[in-house]
Amino acid sequence: MPWGDEPLTGKLVIRRLFQEGHVYHGRDLLLITRHVEEGSRRVLFVASRRTGKAVRRNRAKRLMRAAYQDLVAQVRDVPVHLALIARSRCAERGMQDVRAELRHLLGRARLLATPTAPSERRCRR
């Protein structure tokens, strides 16, 4: 990926992340994290058919990737597997909303190297 993280691939690795990972719920996104013993940070972006037709799914994944790319410099460099899952209304949101929610979820997961300011914690709706 252009920002340095590796994509999360492999059916067994993804299944293990979904079964053993810790889930952080947001209004537009779900963040699933699973700390691993060694390796690098790996990321998976998911938009299921519940999100909508192909155009909506692709927009949701583009928004999540762009938001993650903006925040990747603030994410702690620990060996962790991440899955960002779009909810149905993610594709309807703007970039600032998705970025703010992702920042909030990463903060709740204690993956941000820099703490979020109180004014940035709430997503603007």
C-alpha atoms as a PDB file:
ATOM      1  CA  MET A   1       0.000   0.000   0.000  1.00  0.00           C
ATOM      2  CA  PRO A   2       1.281   3.489  -0.701  1.00  0.00           C
ATOM      3  CA  TRP A   3       1.571   4.437   2.974  1.00  0.00           C
ATOM      4  CA  GLY A   4       3.721   1.474   4.025  1.00  0.00           C
ATOM      5  CA  ASP A   5       1.283  -0.906   5.731  1.00  0.00           C
ATOM      6  CA  GLU A   6       0.819  -4.329   4.252  1.00  0.00           C
ATOM      7  CA  PRO A   7      -2.586  -5.530   3.067  1.00  0.00           C
ATOM      8  CA  LEU A   8      -4.142  -8.253   5.174  1.00  0.00           C
ATOM      9  CA  THR A   9      -4.607 -11.315   2.984  1.00  0.00           C
ATOM     10  CA  GLY A  10      -5.226 -14.994   3.483  1.00  0.00           C
ATOM     11  CA  LYS A  11      -8.497 -16.664   4.344  1.00  0.00           C
ATOM     12  CA  LEU A  12      -7.274 -18.168   7.622  1.00  0.00           C
ATOM     13  CA  VAL A  13      -5.659 -14.951   8.841  1.00  0.00           C
ATOM     14  CA  ILE A  14      -8.808 -12.951   8.105  1.00  0.00           C
ATOM     15  CA  ARG A  15     -11.054 -15.557   9.723  1.00  0.00           C
ATOM     16  CA  ARG A  16      -8.875 -15.526  12.847  1.00  0.00           C
ATOM     17  CA  LEU A  17      -9.056 -11.724  12.984  1.00  0.00           C
ATOM     18  CA  PHE A  18     -12.857 -11.797  12.811  1.00  0.00           C
ATOM     19  CA  GLN A  19     -13.145 -14.565  15.415  1.00  0.00           C
ATOM     20  CA  GLU A  20     -10.533 -13.415  17.937  1.00  0.00           C
ATOM     21  CA  GLY A  21     -10.318  -9.692  17.319  1.00  0.00           C
ATOM     22  CA  HIS A  22     -11.718  -6.918  19.478  1.00  0.00           C
ATOM     23  CA  VAL A  23     -14.543  -4.949  17.851  1.00  0.00           C
ATOM     24  CA  TYR A  24     -15.008  -1.179  18.182  1.00  0.00           C
ATOM     25  CA  HIS A  25     -18.400   0.023  16.944  1.00  0.00           C
ATOM     26  CA  GLY A  26     -18.950   3.367  15.285  1.00  0.00           C
ATOM     27  CA  ARG A  27     -21.885   4.865  13.451  1.00  0.00           C
ATOM     28  CA  ASP A  28     -20.340   4.508  10.013  1.00  0.00           C
ATOM     29  CA  LEU A  29     -17.484   2.052  10.601  1.00  0.00           C
ATOM     30  CA  LEU A  30     -16.472  -0.980  12.584  1.00  0.00           C
ATOM     31  CA  LEU A  31     -12.849  -1.434  13.603  1.00  0.00           C
ATOM     32  CA  ILE A  32     -11.616  -4.914  14.442  1.00  0.00           C
ATOM     33  CA  THR A  33      -8.140  -5.235  15.950  1.00  0.00           C
ATOM     34  CA  ARG A  34      -6.025  -8.230  16.816  1.00  0.00           C
ATOM     35  CA  HIS A  35      -2.538  -7.877  18.254  1.00  0.00           C
ATOM     36  CA  VAL A  36      -0.034 -10.398  16.924  1.00  0.00           C
ATOM     37  CA  GLU A  37       3.312 -11.541  18.265  1.00  0.00           C
ATOM     38  CA  GLU A  38       5.459 -10.446  15.358  1.00  0.00           C
ATOM     39  CA  GLY A  39       5.257  -8.931  11.940  1.00  0.00           C
ATOM     40  CA  SER A  40       4.076  -5.586  10.703  1.00  0.00           C
ATOM     41  CA  ARG A  41       0.797  -3.724  10.892  1.00  0.00           C
ATOM     42  CA  ARG A  42      -1.604  -5.142   8.305  1.00  0.00           C
ATOM     43  CA  VAL A  43      -4.880  -3.592   7.191  1.00  0.00           C
ATOM     44  CA  LEU A  44      -8.060  -4.868   5.535  1.00  0.00           C
ATOM     45  CA  PHE A  45     -10.840  -2.662   4.121  1.00  0.00           C
ATOM     46  CA  VAL A  46     -14.258  -4.309   3.792  1.00  0.00           C
ATOM     47  CA  ALA A  47     -17.572  -3.151   2.362  1.00  0.00           C
ATOM     48  CA  SER A  48     -20.102  -5.966   2.159  1.00  0.00           C
ATOM     49  CA  ARG A  49     -23.094  -6.148  -0.155  1.00  0.00           C
ATOM     50  CA  ARG A  50     -25.205  -4.760   2.684  1.00  0.00           C
ATOM     51  CA  THR A  51     -23.408  -1.462   2.081  1.00  0.00           C
ATOM     52  CA  GLY A  52     -25.069  -1.222  -1.302  1.00  0.00           C
ATOM     53  CA  LYS A  53     -24.332  -1.815  -4.932  1.00  0.00           C
ATOM     54  CA  ALA A  54     -20.795  -1.778  -6.317  1.00  0.00           C
ATOM     55  CA  VAL A  55     -20.578   2.008  -6.673  1.00  0.00           C
ATOM     56  CA  ARG A  56     -21.499   2.560  -3.001  1.00  0.00           C
ATOM     57  CA  ARG A  57     -19.147  -0.201  -1.813  1.00  0.00           C
ATOM     58  CA  ASN A  58     -16.259   1.224  -3.805  1.00  0.00           C
ATOM     59  CA  ARG A  59     -16.921   4.741  -2.499  1.00  0.00           C
ATOM     60  CA  ALA A  60     -17.022   3.469   1.082  1.00  0.00           C
ATOM     61  CA  LYS A  61     -13.704   1.652   0.657  1.00  0.00           C
ATOM     62  CA  ARG A  62     -12.123   4.701  -1.002  1.00  0.00           C
ATOM     63  CA  LEU A  63     -13.251   6.883   1.907  1.00  0.00           C
ATOM     64  CA  MET A  64     -11.882   4.436   4.480  1.00  0.00           C
ATOM     65  CA  ARG A  65      -8.546   4.078   2.671  1.00  0.00           C
ATOM     66  CA  ALA A  66      -8.147   7.855   2.323  1.00  0.00           C
ATOM     67  CA  ALA A  67      -9.058   8.447   5.975  1.00  0.00           C
ATOM     68  CA  TYR A  68      -6.601   5.776   7.092  1.00  0.00           C
ATOM     69  CA  GLN A  69      -3.893   7.217   4.857  1.00  0.00           C
ATOM     70  CA  ASP A  70      -4.393  10.631   6.493  1.00  0.00           C
ATOM     71  CA  LEU A  71      -4.081   9.121   9.991  1.00  0.00           C
ATOM     72  CA  VAL A  72      -1.403   6.473   9.413  1.00  0.00           C
ATOM     73  CA  ALA A  73       1.391   8.754  10.659  1.00  0.00           C
ATOM     74  CA  GLN A  74      -0.385   9.001  14.031  1.00  0.00           C
ATOM     75  CA  VAL A  75      -0.944   5.232  14.411  1.00  0.00           C
ATOM     76  CA  ARG A  76       1.471   3.433  16.731  1.00  0.00           C
ATOM     77  CA  ASP A  77       3.889   1.102  15.007  1.00  0.00           C
ATOM     78  CA  VAL A  78       2.894  -2.164  16.691  1.00  0.00           C
ATOM     79  CA  PRO A  79       2.290  -5.588  15.136  1.00  0.00           C
ATOM     80  CA  VAL A  80      -1.465  -5.572  14.776  1.00  0.00           C
ATOM     81  CA  HIS A  81      -4.038  -6.705  12.246  1.00  0.00           C
ATOM     82  CA  LEU A  82      -6.792  -4.187  11.513  1.00  0.00           C
ATOM     83  CA  ALA A  83     -10.071  -4.560   9.648  1.00  0.00           C
ATOM     84  CA  LEU A  84     -12.113  -1.485   8.756  1.00  0.00           C
ATOM     85  CA  ILE A  85     -15.662  -2.469   7.871  1.00  0.00           C
ATOM     86  CA  ALA A  86     -18.054   0.001   6.261  1.00  0.00           C
ATOM     87  CA  ARG A  87     -21.590   0.212   7.530  1.00  0.00           C
ATOM     88  CA  SER A  88     -24.387   0.958   5.070  1.00  0.00           C
ATOM     89  CA  ARG A  89     -24.315   4.739   5.568  1.00  0.00           C
ATOM     90  CA  CYS A  90     -20.531   5.116   5.275  1.00  0.00           C
ATOM     91  CA  ALA A  91     -20.745   5.847   1.542  1.00  0.00           C
ATOM     92  CA  GLU A  92     -23.138   8.742   2.234  1.00  0.00           C
ATOM     93  CA  ARG A  93     -20.730  10.495   4.604  1.00  0.00           C
ATOM     94  CA  GLY A  94     -18.100  13.053   3.782  1.00  0.00           C
ATOM     95  CA  MET A  95     -14.375  12.573   4.136  1.00  0.00           C
ATOM     96  CA  GLN A  96     -14.156  14.639   7.327  1.00  0.00           C
ATOM     97  CA  ASP A  97     -16.842  12.538   9.038  1.00  0.00           C
ATOM     98  CA  VAL A  98     -15.162   9.248   8.151  1.00  0.00           C
ATOM     99  CA  ARG A  99     -11.728  10.559   9.213  1.00  0.00           C
ATOM    100  CA  ALA A 100     -13.090  11.834  12.539  1.00  0.00           C
ATOM    101  CA  GLU A 101     -14.830   8.546  13.277  1.00  0.00           C
ATOM    102  CA  LEU A 102     -11.756   6.520  12.352  1.00  0.00           C
ATOM    103  CA  ARG A 103      -9.608   8.725  14.602  1.00  0.00           C
ATOM    104  CA  HIS A 104     -12.087   8.158  17.429  1.00  0.00           C
ATOM    105  CA  LEU A 105     -12.125   4.374  16.933  1.00  0.00           C
ATOM    106  CA  LEU A 106      -8.324   4.165  16.744  1.00  0.00           C
ATOM    107  CA  GLY A 107      -8.134   6.228  19.927  1.00  0.00           C
ATOM    108  CA  ARG A 108     -10.541   3.876  21.700  1.00  0.00           C
ATOM    109  CA  ALA A 109      -8.386   0.957  20.541  1.00  0.00           C
ATOM    110  CA  ARG A 110      -5.320   2.763  21.976  1.00  0.00           C
ATOM    111  CA  LEU A 111      -3.564   2.657  18.632  1.00  0.00           C
ATOM    112  CA  LEU A 112      -2.914   6.379  18.252  1.00  0.00           C
ATOM    113  CA  ALA A 113       0.556   7.591  19.174  1.00  0.00           C
ATOM    114  CA  THR A 114      -0.793  11.079  19.787  1.00  0.00           C
ATOM    115  CA  PRO A 115      -3.880  11.385  21.980  1.00  0.00           C
ATOM    116  CA  THR A 116      -6.934  12.951  20.402  1.00  0.00           C
ATOM    117  CA  ALA A 117      -8.015  16.349  21.622  1.00  0.00           C
ATOM    118  CA  PRO A 118     -11.471  16.505  23.265  1.00  0.00           C
ATOM    119  CA  SER A 119     -12.815  18.640  20.416  1.00  0.00           C
ATOM    120  CA  GLU A 120     -11.807  16.006  17.840  1.00  0.00           C
ATOM    121  CA  ARG A 121     -13.403  13.050  19.607  1.00  0.00           C
ATOM    122  CA  ARG A 122     -16.945  13.667  18.436  1.00  0.00           C
ATOM    123  CA  CYS A 123     -17.901  13.124  14.852  1.00  0.00           C
ATOM    124  CA  ARG A 124     -19.674  16.021  13.247  1.00  0.00           C
ATOM    125  CA  ARG A 125     -23.063  15.027  11.934  1.00  0.00           C
END
